[in-house]
N, C-alpha and C. Protein backbone atom coordinates (compact mmCIF):
# COMPACT_ATOMS: atom_id res chain seq x y z
N MET A 1 -8.92 -17.98 14.78
CA MET A 1 -7.93 -17.23 14.28
C MET A 1 -6.45 -18.03 14.52
N ASP A 2 -6.56 -19.08 13.76
CA ASP A 2 -4.92 -19.86 13.73
C ASP A 2 -3.93 -19.69 12.71
N HIS A 3 -4.90 -18.36 11.08
CA HIS A 3 -3.95 -18.24 10.57
C HIS A 3 -3.72 -16.62 10.18
N ARG A 4 -2.40 -16.92 8.76
CA ARG A 4 -2.14 -15.47 9.75
C ARG A 4 -2.61 -14.43 7.69
N HIS A 5 -2.26 -14.07 7.42
CA HIS A 5 -2.99 -13.41 6.21
C HIS A 5 -1.60 -11.97 6.56
N PHE A 6 -1.34 -12.21 5.50
CA PHE A 6 -0.64 -10.75 5.14
C PHE A 6 -0.77 -9.27 3.92
N ILE A 7 -0.72 -8.70 4.21
CA ILE A 7 -2.07 -7.82 3.36
C ILE A 7 -0.29 -7.01 3.06
N ILE A 8 -0.01 -7.04 1.41
CA ILE A 8 1.08 -5.94 1.23
C ILE A 8 0.37 -4.76 0.33
N TYR A 9 0.88 -3.47 0.89
CA TYR A 9 -0.57 -2.73 -0.03
C TYR A 9 0.35 -1.11 0.01
N ASP A 10 -0.56 -0.88 -0.32
CA ASP A 10 1.03 0.45 -1.50
C ASP A 10 -0.74 1.51 -1.42
N LEU A 11 -0.38 2.64 -1.99
CA LEU A 11 -1.51 3.51 -2.01
C LEU A 11 -0.91 4.93 -3.08
N GLU A 12 -1.58 5.24 -3.18
CA GLU A 12 -1.75 6.91 -4.12
C GLU A 12 -2.73 7.74 -3.85
N ALA A 13 -1.81 9.47 -3.42
CA ALA A 13 -2.00 10.34 -3.21
C ALA A 13 -2.67 11.29 -4.22
N THR A 14 -3.53 12.39 -3.81
CA THR A 14 -2.73 13.66 -4.45
C THR A 14 -1.64 13.69 -4.43
N CYS A 15 -1.37 15.04 -5.08
CA CYS A 15 0.22 15.73 -5.37
C CYS A 15 0.31 17.20 -6.51
N TRP A 16 1.12 17.78 -6.35
CA TRP A 16 1.21 18.74 -6.96
C TRP A 16 2.50 18.41 -7.08
N ARG A 17 2.58 20.13 -7.57
CA ARG A 17 4.32 19.92 -8.21
C ARG A 17 4.65 21.64 -7.23
N SER A 18 3.79 22.27 -7.24
CA SER A 18 4.21 23.25 -6.08
C SER A 18 4.39 22.56 -4.29
N ARG A 19 4.96 23.71 -3.97
CA ARG A 19 5.37 23.45 -2.92
C ARG A 19 4.44 24.14 -1.97
N ALA A 20 3.17 24.48 -2.52
CA ALA A 20 2.28 25.20 -1.46
C ALA A 20 1.54 24.18 -0.22
N PRO A 21 1.36 23.84 0.28
CA PRO A 21 0.76 23.10 1.47
C PRO A 21 -0.02 22.70 1.38
N LYS A 22 -0.81 21.37 0.35
CA LYS A 22 -2.89 20.70 0.75
C LYS A 22 -2.75 20.12 1.31
N GLN A 23 -3.25 19.39 1.73
CA GLN A 23 -3.39 18.31 2.30
C GLN A 23 -3.63 17.41 1.55
N VAL A 24 -3.05 16.30 1.19
CA VAL A 24 -3.14 14.94 0.56
C VAL A 24 -4.03 14.20 0.79
N GLU A 25 -4.76 13.99 0.05
CA GLU A 25 -6.24 11.91 -0.67
C GLU A 25 -5.13 11.71 -0.83
N VAL A 26 -5.72 10.83 0.11
CA VAL A 26 -6.26 8.32 -0.80
C VAL A 26 -6.15 8.79 -2.35
N ILE A 27 -5.84 8.35 -3.48
CA ILE A 27 -6.75 8.73 -4.39
C ILE A 27 -7.06 7.20 -4.82
N GLU A 28 -6.20 5.69 -4.89
CA GLU A 28 -5.95 4.45 -5.32
C GLU A 28 -5.11 3.35 -4.07
N ILE A 29 -5.93 2.35 -4.10
CA ILE A 29 -5.61 1.37 -2.96
C ILE A 29 -5.72 -0.07 -3.73
N GLY A 30 -4.05 -0.58 -3.65
CA GLY A 30 -3.84 -1.26 -4.49
C GLY A 30 -3.02 -2.47 -2.92
N ALA A 31 -3.81 -3.61 -3.10
CA ALA A 31 -3.07 -4.74 -2.36
C ALA A 31 -2.42 -5.92 -1.76
N VAL A 32 -2.58 -7.23 -2.33
CA VAL A 32 -2.56 -8.47 -2.17
C VAL A 32 -2.46 -9.14 -0.90
N LYS A 33 -3.06 -10.09 -0.67
CA LYS A 33 -3.16 -10.61 0.03
C LYS A 33 -2.51 -12.26 -0.03
N VAL A 34 -1.34 -11.71 0.95
CA VAL A 34 -0.69 -13.60 0.92
C VAL A 34 -0.24 -14.37 1.87
N ASN A 35 -0.45 -16.14 1.85
CA ASN A 35 -1.02 -16.38 3.30
C ASN A 35 0.48 -16.28 3.70
N GLU A 36 0.53 -17.81 4.54
CA GLU A 36 1.53 -17.87 5.37
C GLU A 36 2.36 -19.27 4.26
N SER A 37 2.28 -19.71 3.09
CA SER A 37 2.81 -20.50 2.39
C SER A 37 3.73 -19.55 1.44
N LEU A 38 3.78 -18.08 2.18
CA LEU A 38 3.54 -17.55 0.93
C LEU A 38 2.73 -17.74 -0.33
N GLU A 39 1.84 -17.48 -0.57
CA GLU A 39 0.99 -18.19 -2.03
C GLU A 39 0.00 -16.75 -1.72
N ILE A 40 0.11 -16.43 -2.94
CA ILE A 40 -0.88 -15.31 -3.36
C ILE A 40 -1.88 -15.63 -3.68
N ILE A 41 -2.85 -15.71 -2.38
CA ILE A 41 -4.18 -15.71 -2.52
C ILE A 41 -5.53 -14.61 -2.94
N ASP A 42 -4.91 -13.47 -3.45
CA ASP A 42 -6.16 -12.55 -3.83
C ASP A 42 -5.22 -10.72 -3.84
N GLU A 43 -6.29 -10.46 -4.60
CA GLU A 43 -6.34 -8.66 -4.84
C GLU A 43 -6.74 -8.16 -4.11
N PHE A 44 -6.83 -6.86 -4.38
CA PHE A 44 -8.11 -5.76 -4.43
C PHE A 44 -7.19 -4.26 -4.75
N CYS A 45 -7.92 -4.02 -5.55
CA CYS A 45 -7.89 -2.34 -5.97
C CYS A 45 -9.53 -2.02 -6.35
N ALA A 46 -9.02 -0.08 -5.39
CA ALA A 46 -10.11 0.86 -5.62
C ALA A 46 -9.38 2.39 -5.52
N PHE A 47 -10.28 2.75 -7.24
CA PHE A 47 -10.20 3.85 -6.89
C PHE A 47 -10.91 4.80 -5.45
N VAL A 48 -9.57 5.83 -5.13
CA VAL A 48 -11.17 6.99 -4.06
C VAL A 48 -10.87 8.35 -4.93
N ARG A 49 -12.25 8.81 -4.87
CA ARG A 49 -12.75 10.22 -5.12
C ARG A 49 -12.33 11.15 -3.50
N PRO A 50 -11.33 11.98 -4.07
CA PRO A 50 -10.81 12.82 -3.33
C PRO A 50 -11.61 13.51 -2.60
N LYS A 51 -11.84 14.19 -1.35
CA LYS A 51 -13.38 15.15 -0.50
C LYS A 51 -12.53 16.82 -1.10
N LEU A 52 -11.21 16.92 -0.55
CA LEU A 52 -10.78 18.68 -0.42
C LEU A 52 -10.74 19.10 -1.53
N HIS A 53 -9.29 18.13 -2.83
CA HIS A 53 -9.44 18.75 -3.74
C HIS A 53 -9.48 17.42 -4.70
N PRO A 54 -11.23 17.50 -5.35
CA PRO A 54 -11.32 16.69 -6.35
C PRO A 54 -10.78 16.46 -7.51
N LYS A 55 -9.94 17.79 -7.50
CA LYS A 55 -9.63 17.23 -9.39
C LYS A 55 -8.08 16.94 -9.43
N ILE A 56 -7.80 15.80 -9.74
CA ILE A 56 -6.27 16.01 -10.06
C ILE A 56 -6.12 16.58 -10.51
N SER A 57 -4.72 17.01 -10.40
CA SER A 57 -3.34 17.41 -10.98
C SER A 57 -2.73 16.80 -12.47
N PRO A 58 -2.73 18.29 -13.29
CA PRO A 58 -1.54 17.12 -14.00
C PRO A 58 -0.37 16.66 -13.83
N PHE A 59 0.17 17.59 -13.11
CA PHE A 59 1.39 16.43 -12.48
C PHE A 59 1.63 15.27 -12.03
N CYS A 60 -0.12 15.02 -10.64
CA CYS A 60 -0.61 13.89 -10.31
C CYS A 60 -0.54 12.39 -11.28
N THR A 61 -1.67 13.22 -12.58
CA THR A 61 -1.68 12.16 -14.24
C THR A 61 -0.14 12.02 -14.32
N GLU A 62 0.62 12.62 -14.06
CA GLU A 62 1.65 12.54 -14.81
C GLU A 62 2.76 11.13 -14.15
N LEU A 63 2.57 11.81 -13.57
CA LEU A 63 3.56 10.71 -11.42
C LEU A 63 2.58 9.07 -12.16
N THR A 64 1.38 8.61 -11.92
CA THR A 64 0.57 8.08 -11.18
C THR A 64 -0.06 7.24 -12.92
N SER A 65 -0.24 8.18 -13.48
CA SER A 65 -1.16 7.62 -14.66
C SER A 65 -2.78 8.30 -14.16
N ILE A 66 -3.20 8.02 -13.23
CA ILE A 66 -4.06 8.23 -12.62
C ILE A 66 -5.14 9.59 -13.83
N ILE A 67 -6.08 9.07 -13.83
CA ILE A 67 -6.20 10.24 -14.61
C ILE A 67 -7.59 10.60 -13.52
N GLN A 68 -8.51 12.29 -14.70
CA GLN A 68 -10.00 12.40 -13.10
C GLN A 68 -10.88 11.38 -13.65
N THR A 69 -11.21 10.53 -14.92
CA THR A 69 -12.02 9.40 -14.82
C THR A 69 -12.41 8.45 -14.03
N ASP A 70 -10.45 8.15 -13.80
CA ASP A 70 -10.42 6.77 -12.41
C ASP A 70 -11.64 7.38 -11.15
N ILE A 71 -10.99 8.67 -11.11
CA ILE A 71 -11.41 9.21 -9.51
C ILE A 71 -12.61 9.61 -9.55
N GLN A 72 -13.35 10.51 -10.70
CA GLN A 72 -14.36 10.93 -10.77
C GLN A 72 -15.89 10.52 -10.17
N HIS A 73 -16.32 8.21 -10.52
CA HIS A 73 -17.28 9.13 -9.84
C HIS A 73 -16.83 6.99 -9.30
N ALA A 74 -15.66 7.62 -7.97
CA ALA A 74 -14.85 6.42 -7.03
C ALA A 74 -16.25 6.57 -5.50
N PRO A 75 -15.85 6.29 -4.94
CA PRO A 75 -16.17 6.06 -3.20
C PRO A 75 -15.11 6.71 -3.29
N LEU A 76 -16.10 7.41 -2.37
CA LEU A 76 -15.58 8.34 -1.08
C LEU A 76 -14.39 7.34 -0.32
N PHE A 77 -13.04 8.06 0.03
CA PHE A 77 -12.58 7.03 2.00
C PHE A 77 -13.84 6.63 2.53
N ASP A 78 -14.36 7.07 3.18
CA ASP A 78 -15.07 5.82 3.54
C ASP A 78 -15.40 5.14 3.57
N GLU A 79 -16.07 4.75 2.18
CA GLU A 79 -16.36 3.62 1.30
C GLU A 79 -15.09 3.05 0.64
N ALA A 80 -14.64 3.52 0.50
CA ALA A 80 -13.43 3.30 -0.17
C ALA A 80 -12.28 1.49 0.90
N ILE A 81 -12.19 2.43 2.08
CA ILE A 81 -11.95 1.62 3.74
C ILE A 81 -12.26 0.69 3.82
N GLU A 82 -14.25 0.95 4.16
CA GLU A 82 -14.58 -0.11 4.40
C GLU A 82 -14.51 -0.97 3.55
N ASP A 83 -14.92 -1.04 1.64
CA ASP A 83 -14.52 -2.03 0.85
C ASP A 83 -12.77 -2.38 2.11
N PHE A 84 -12.20 -2.06 1.43
CA PHE A 84 -10.79 -2.81 1.91
C PHE A 84 -10.97 -4.13 2.86
N GLU A 85 -11.73 -3.04 3.73
CA GLU A 85 -11.41 -4.19 5.64
C GLU A 85 -12.46 -5.32 5.15
N ASP A 86 -13.63 -5.39 4.41
CA ASP A 86 -13.64 -6.40 4.70
C ASP A 86 -13.58 -7.14 3.49
N TRP A 87 -12.71 -6.90 2.62
CA TRP A 87 -11.53 -7.87 1.39
C TRP A 87 -11.04 -8.22 2.89
N MET A 88 -9.55 -7.51 3.38
CA MET A 88 -8.69 -8.51 4.14
C MET A 88 -9.30 -9.89 5.36
N ALA A 89 -10.71 -8.94 6.30
CA ALA A 89 -11.75 -9.46 6.93
C ALA A 89 -10.73 -9.99 7.35
N PRO A 90 -10.60 -9.50 8.82
CA PRO A 90 -9.38 -8.99 9.95
C PRO A 90 -9.95 -9.67 11.53
N THR A 91 -11.29 -10.36 11.18
CA THR A 91 -11.44 -10.92 12.18
C THR A 91 -11.83 -12.60 11.68
N LYS A 92 -11.69 -13.07 10.96
CA LYS A 92 -11.01 -14.63 9.70
C LYS A 92 -9.58 -14.94 10.36
N ALA A 93 -8.74 -13.96 10.08
CA ALA A 93 -7.56 -14.55 9.75
C ALA A 93 -6.69 -13.62 10.79
N ARG A 94 -5.39 -13.87 11.54
CA ARG A 94 -5.32 -12.84 12.15
C ARG A 94 -4.41 -11.65 10.72
N THR A 95 -4.10 -10.83 10.85
CA THR A 95 -4.23 -9.69 9.52
C THR A 95 -3.14 -8.60 10.10
N VAL A 96 -1.94 -8.78 9.32
CA VAL A 96 -0.66 -7.60 9.01
C VAL A 96 -0.06 -7.42 8.02
N LEU A 97 -1.08 -5.59 8.79
CA LEU A 97 -0.29 -5.56 7.28
C LEU A 97 1.27 -4.88 6.68
N MET A 98 1.68 -4.69 5.36
CA MET A 98 3.03 -3.75 5.25
C MET A 98 2.99 -3.29 3.89
N SER A 99 3.84 -2.51 4.58
CA SER A 99 3.64 -1.62 3.09
C SER A 99 5.15 -1.25 2.80
N TRP A 100 6.16 -0.26 2.17
CA TRP A 100 6.93 -0.33 1.74
C TRP A 100 7.18 1.56 1.85
N GLY A 101 7.99 1.46 3.24
CA GLY A 101 8.02 3.26 3.69
C GLY A 101 6.94 3.53 5.00
N GLU A 102 6.81 4.31 5.38
CA GLU A 102 5.55 4.32 6.12
C GLU A 102 4.70 5.42 5.35
N PHE A 103 4.64 5.95 4.29
CA PHE A 103 4.05 7.59 3.93
C PHE A 103 2.62 6.00 3.88
N ASP A 104 2.19 5.44 2.98
CA ASP A 104 1.38 4.83 3.70
C ASP A 104 0.07 4.64 4.77
N LYS A 105 0.87 4.38 5.96
CA LYS A 105 0.90 4.37 6.83
C LYS A 105 -0.65 6.00 8.57
N ARG A 106 0.55 7.23 7.57
CA ARG A 106 0.24 8.09 7.94
C ARG A 106 -0.79 8.21 6.83
N GLN A 107 -1.03 8.59 5.48
CA GLN A 107 -1.82 8.94 4.54
C GLN A 107 -3.76 7.92 5.78
N LEU A 108 -3.28 6.73 5.48
CA LEU A 108 -3.63 5.97 5.93
C LEU A 108 -5.17 7.17 7.33
N LEU A 109 -3.88 7.13 8.56
CA LEU A 109 -4.54 8.14 9.21
C LEU A 109 -4.91 9.53 9.29
N SER A 110 -4.86 9.76 8.32
CA SER A 110 -4.85 11.41 7.80
C SER A 110 -6.17 11.00 7.51
N ASP A 111 -5.93 10.37 6.46
CA ASP A 111 -7.65 10.17 5.44
C ASP A 111 -8.86 9.65 6.95
N GLY A 112 -8.31 8.81 7.61
CA GLY A 112 -9.13 8.30 8.46
C GLY A 112 -9.99 9.83 9.40
N LYS A 113 -8.93 10.42 9.31
CA LYS A 113 -9.52 11.44 10.52
C LYS A 113 -10.22 12.37 9.71
N LEU A 114 -10.14 12.92 8.89
CA LEU A 114 -10.64 13.18 7.99
C LEU A 114 -11.59 12.93 7.72
N HIS A 115 -12.02 11.98 7.82
CA HIS A 115 -13.65 10.92 7.16
C HIS A 115 -14.14 10.26 8.75
N ARG A 116 -13.87 10.67 9.76
CA ARG A 116 -13.59 10.16 11.14
C ARG A 116 -13.84 8.73 10.94
N VAL A 117 -12.94 8.00 10.86
CA VAL A 117 -13.32 6.68 10.45
C VAL A 117 -12.07 5.89 11.04
N GLU A 118 -12.35 5.27 12.08
CA GLU A 118 -11.63 4.50 13.27
C GLU A 118 -11.20 3.33 11.76
N MET A 119 -9.54 2.54 11.88
CA MET A 119 -8.71 2.07 11.50
C MET A 119 -8.08 1.10 13.06
N PRO A 120 -8.28 -0.06 13.29
CA PRO A 120 -7.80 -0.77 14.26
C PRO A 120 -6.96 -1.45 13.77
N TRP A 121 -6.92 -2.30 13.24
CA TRP A 121 -6.89 -3.75 12.11
C TRP A 121 -4.97 -2.55 11.59
N LEU A 122 -4.90 -1.11 12.13
CA LEU A 122 -3.52 -0.85 11.25
C LEU A 122 -3.25 -0.66 12.14
N ARG A 123 -3.01 -1.40 13.57
CA ARG A 123 -1.95 -1.16 14.85
C ARG A 123 -1.56 -1.81 14.26
N TYR A 124 -1.62 -2.93 13.83
CA TYR A 124 -0.86 -4.48 12.88
C TYR A 124 -0.55 -3.66 12.08
N HIS A 125 1.63 -3.06 11.59
CA HIS A 125 1.22 -2.70 10.91
C HIS A 125 2.84 -3.26 10.36
N ALA A 126 3.05 -2.49 9.64
CA ALA A 126 5.43 -2.49 9.45
C ALA A 126 5.79 -2.12 8.59
N CYS A 127 6.46 -1.83 8.79
CA CYS A 127 7.73 -0.88 7.46
C CYS A 127 7.92 -1.76 6.77
N LEU A 128 7.98 -2.50 6.10
CA LEU A 128 8.72 -3.39 4.58
C LEU A 128 10.16 -2.63 4.32
N GLN A 129 10.52 -1.83 3.40
CA GLN A 129 11.44 -1.37 3.99
C GLN A 129 12.06 -0.60 4.76
N HIS A 130 12.13 -0.67 6.03
CA HIS A 130 12.35 -0.76 7.54
C HIS A 130 13.43 -2.16 7.30
N HIS A 131 12.42 -2.41 7.61
CA HIS A 131 12.69 -4.02 7.88
C HIS A 131 14.01 -4.86 6.87
N TYR A 132 13.48 -4.93 5.84
CA TYR A 132 14.27 -5.38 4.40
C TYR A 132 16.58 -4.43 4.63
N SER A 133 16.09 -2.44 4.85
CA SER A 133 17.13 -1.91 4.91
C SER A 133 17.72 -2.19 5.66
N LYS A 134 17.13 -2.44 7.00
CA LYS A 134 18.09 -3.48 8.68
C LYS A 134 18.72 -4.51 8.40
N TRP A 135 17.89 -4.81 7.04
CA TRP A 135 18.60 -7.34 7.15
C TRP A 135 19.68 -6.59 6.23
N LYS A 136 19.22 -5.62 5.32
CA LYS A 136 20.61 -5.26 4.56
C LYS A 136 21.87 -5.05 5.41
N GLY A 137 21.99 -3.70 6.07
CA GLY A 137 22.42 -3.61 6.78
C GLY A 137 23.02 -2.51 6.04
N SER A 138 22.62 -1.33 5.55
CA SER A 138 21.78 -0.14 5.08
C SER A 138 21.46 0.96 5.69
N LYS A 139 22.42 1.62 5.94
CA LYS A 139 22.25 2.81 6.34
C LYS A 139 21.50 4.24 6.38
N ASN A 140 20.85 4.32 4.62
CA ASN A 140 19.74 4.89 4.07
C ASN A 140 18.46 3.43 4.09
N GLN A 141 17.13 4.03 3.37
CA GLN A 141 16.43 3.37 3.11
C GLN A 141 16.89 2.78 1.32
N ILE A 142 15.92 1.94 1.28
CA ILE A 142 16.59 1.31 -0.21
C ILE A 142 15.15 1.16 -0.42
N GLY A 143 15.15 2.10 -2.20
CA GLY A 143 14.08 1.44 -2.80
C GLY A 143 13.41 0.09 -3.25
N LEU A 144 12.29 0.85 -3.54
CA LEU A 144 11.77 -1.10 -4.33
C LEU A 144 12.62 -1.55 -5.16
N LYS A 145 12.18 -0.61 -6.41
CA LYS A 145 13.06 -1.20 -7.46
C LYS A 145 14.53 -1.27 -7.20
N SER A 146 15.28 -0.93 -5.99
CA SER A 146 16.55 -0.86 -5.87
C SER A 146 16.36 -3.04 -5.40
N ALA A 147 15.87 -2.88 -4.25
CA ALA A 147 15.24 -4.28 -3.19
C ALA A 147 15.19 -5.15 -4.05
N LEU A 148 14.33 -4.63 -5.01
CA LEU A 148 13.97 -6.08 -5.85
C LEU A 148 15.23 -6.52 -6.67
N GLU A 149 16.16 -5.43 -7.44
CA GLU A 149 16.81 -6.34 -8.08
C GLU A 149 18.27 -5.83 -7.15
N LEU A 150 17.84 -5.66 -6.25
CA LEU A 150 19.26 -7.10 -5.49
C LEU A 150 18.77 -8.49 -5.14
N GLU A 151 17.34 -8.66 -5.01
CA GLU A 151 16.97 -9.96 -4.55
C GLU A 151 16.71 -10.14 -6.10
N GLY A 152 17.07 -9.75 -7.42
CA GLY A 152 16.54 -10.87 -9.08
C GLY A 152 16.00 -10.60 -9.50
N LEU A 153 15.74 -9.80 -9.14
CA LEU A 153 14.24 -9.76 -9.56
C LEU A 153 13.69 -8.00 -9.82
N ALA A 154 13.01 -8.38 -11.24
CA ALA A 154 12.77 -6.50 -12.03
C ALA A 154 11.03 -5.87 -12.08
N TYR A 155 11.85 -5.18 -11.82
CA TYR A 155 10.44 -3.86 -11.01
C TYR A 155 9.16 -4.19 -12.31
N SER A 156 7.76 -4.53 -11.81
CA SER A 156 6.85 -4.90 -13.43
C SER A 156 5.94 -4.72 -13.32
N GLY A 157 5.75 -3.86 -14.63
CA GLY A 157 4.42 -3.02 -14.46
C GLY A 157 4.51 -1.48 -14.01
N THR A 158 3.78 -0.67 -14.35
CA THR A 158 3.96 0.72 -14.28
C THR A 158 4.29 0.91 -12.75
N GLN A 159 5.49 1.80 -12.36
CA GLN A 159 5.42 2.47 -10.99
C GLN A 159 4.53 3.85 -11.15
N HIS A 160 4.62 3.92 -9.62
CA HIS A 160 3.08 4.95 -8.95
C HIS A 160 1.87 4.44 -9.44
N ARG A 161 1.72 3.38 -9.56
CA ARG A 161 0.37 2.98 -9.19
C ARG A 161 -0.05 1.62 -7.84
N ALA A 162 -0.28 1.92 -7.13
CA ALA A 162 -0.52 1.22 -5.87
C ALA A 162 -1.23 0.20 -6.72
N ILE A 163 -1.87 -0.54 -7.42
CA ILE A 163 -1.61 -1.89 -7.46
C ILE A 163 -0.76 -2.73 -7.57
N GLU A 164 -0.08 -1.86 -8.64
CA GLU A 164 1.62 -2.95 -9.29
C GLU A 164 2.22 -2.38 -8.47
N ASP A 165 2.50 -2.03 -7.71
CA ASP A 165 3.87 -1.05 -6.42
C ASP A 165 3.78 -2.71 -5.61
N ALA A 166 2.59 -3.14 -5.15
CA ALA A 166 1.45 -3.91 -4.48
C ALA A 166 1.70 -5.44 -4.48
N ARG A 167 1.27 -5.32 -5.95
CA ARG A 167 2.59 -6.74 -7.11
C ARG A 167 3.71 -7.04 -6.51
N ASN A 168 4.87 -5.58 -6.86
CA ASN A 168 6.33 -6.24 -6.91
C ASN A 168 6.54 -6.24 -5.09
N MET A 169 5.81 -5.59 -3.96
CA MET A 169 6.64 -6.17 -3.15
C MET A 169 5.98 -7.34 -2.18
N ALA A 170 4.42 -7.74 -2.66
CA ALA A 170 4.33 -9.15 -2.75
C ALA A 170 5.49 -10.19 -3.37
N ARG A 171 6.08 -9.79 -4.28
CA ARG A 171 6.56 -10.67 -5.10
C ARG A 171 8.24 -10.79 -4.44
N LEU A 172 8.68 -9.65 -3.94
CA LEU A 172 9.58 -9.67 -2.89
C LEU A 172 9.61 -10.30 -2.24
N PHE A 173 8.21 -9.43 -1.25
CA PHE A 173 7.87 -10.65 0.86
C PHE A 173 7.94 -12.13 -0.07
N GLN A 174 8.21 -12.23 -0.49
CA GLN A 174 7.66 -13.40 -1.15
C GLN A 174 9.15 -14.40 -1.48
N VAL A 175 10.54 -13.38 -1.67
CA VAL A 175 11.46 -14.24 -1.82
C VAL A 175 12.06 -14.24 -0.12
N ILE A 176 11.69 -12.91 0.48
CA ILE A 176 12.68 -12.59 1.86
C ILE A 176 11.68 -12.39 2.60
N ALA A 177 11.07 -13.24 2.97
CA ALA A 177 10.04 -13.75 4.26
C ALA A 177 10.78 -14.47 4.97
N LYS A 178 11.35 -14.98 4.46
CA LYS A 178 12.17 -16.89 5.03
C LYS A 178 13.30 -16.46 5.08
N PRO A 179 13.92 -15.90 5.04
CA PRO A 179 15.27 -15.49 5.34
C PRO A 179 15.14 -14.38 5.87
N MET A 180 14.34 -13.20 6.31
CA MET A 180 14.56 -12.39 7.34
C MET A 180 13.58 -12.61 8.60
N ASP A 181 12.94 -14.08 8.08
CA ASP A 181 12.78 -14.79 9.05
C ASP A 181 10.81 -14.15 9.99
N LEU A 182 10.15 -13.49 8.50
CA LEU A 182 8.34 -12.61 9.24
C LEU A 182 7.54 -13.49 8.98
N VAL A 183 8.41 -15.20 8.24
CA VAL A 183 6.94 -16.25 8.40
C VAL A 183 7.48 -17.54 8.95
N ASN A 184 6.62 -18.08 9.49
CA ASN A 184 6.99 -19.69 10.92
C ASN A 184 6.71 -20.82 10.34
N THR A 185 7.23 -20.64 8.70
CA THR A 185 6.56 -21.66 7.74
C THR A 185 7.74 -22.65 7.01
C-alpha cells in the first residue's frame, strides 16, 4: 500500500421539524475518491433505508429533496456500509476519510452500533471543516458554502444531498490540500 486515497464524504440522515428526540439514521451516503495527485478518480452514492423510522418526514424531504421512493427499497445500513467499504478498498490503499463537520463520523458510529457493524477504517477520519477553519484563523467553524466562496468557488448542485456536498468538498479539497499541507505532492 504505497499510495493514499482521500475519501471526501457526506451523509444525509432522517430529520424532523419537531424537537421530539428521535434517533436519526443515515439515508444517503455520498463520497468522492481523490488520489494524492488531487485527481478525482471515483464517486460513490447510495440511499439507505432507515430501520427505526422508515418513513421520511415531509421536513426531511423539504430539506434534502430525498423522497420516500428513494429509500423505500434501498439497502439497510449494514449492507450499504459494506458496499461503501468495498468501494473505498481500505486494504488496497491507505484511506483517509474526510467530512465537513463531526456529525458524519458520529452518525456512522451511531448507525454502526445500531446495526452491530464495525468500521475499523473510520479511525482514519479528519474533520476538514475544523482544519480549514483553523487554517483560516477563524474562531468559528466555517460552513462549506462560505469556504467555497472564500476560495473563489461557487457551490454547485443541490445542497443537503450527500453526493452533491461531497463533490463540492472534493473541489474545495483540490484547491486547499497543498496550501494546507495535507498532501505530499
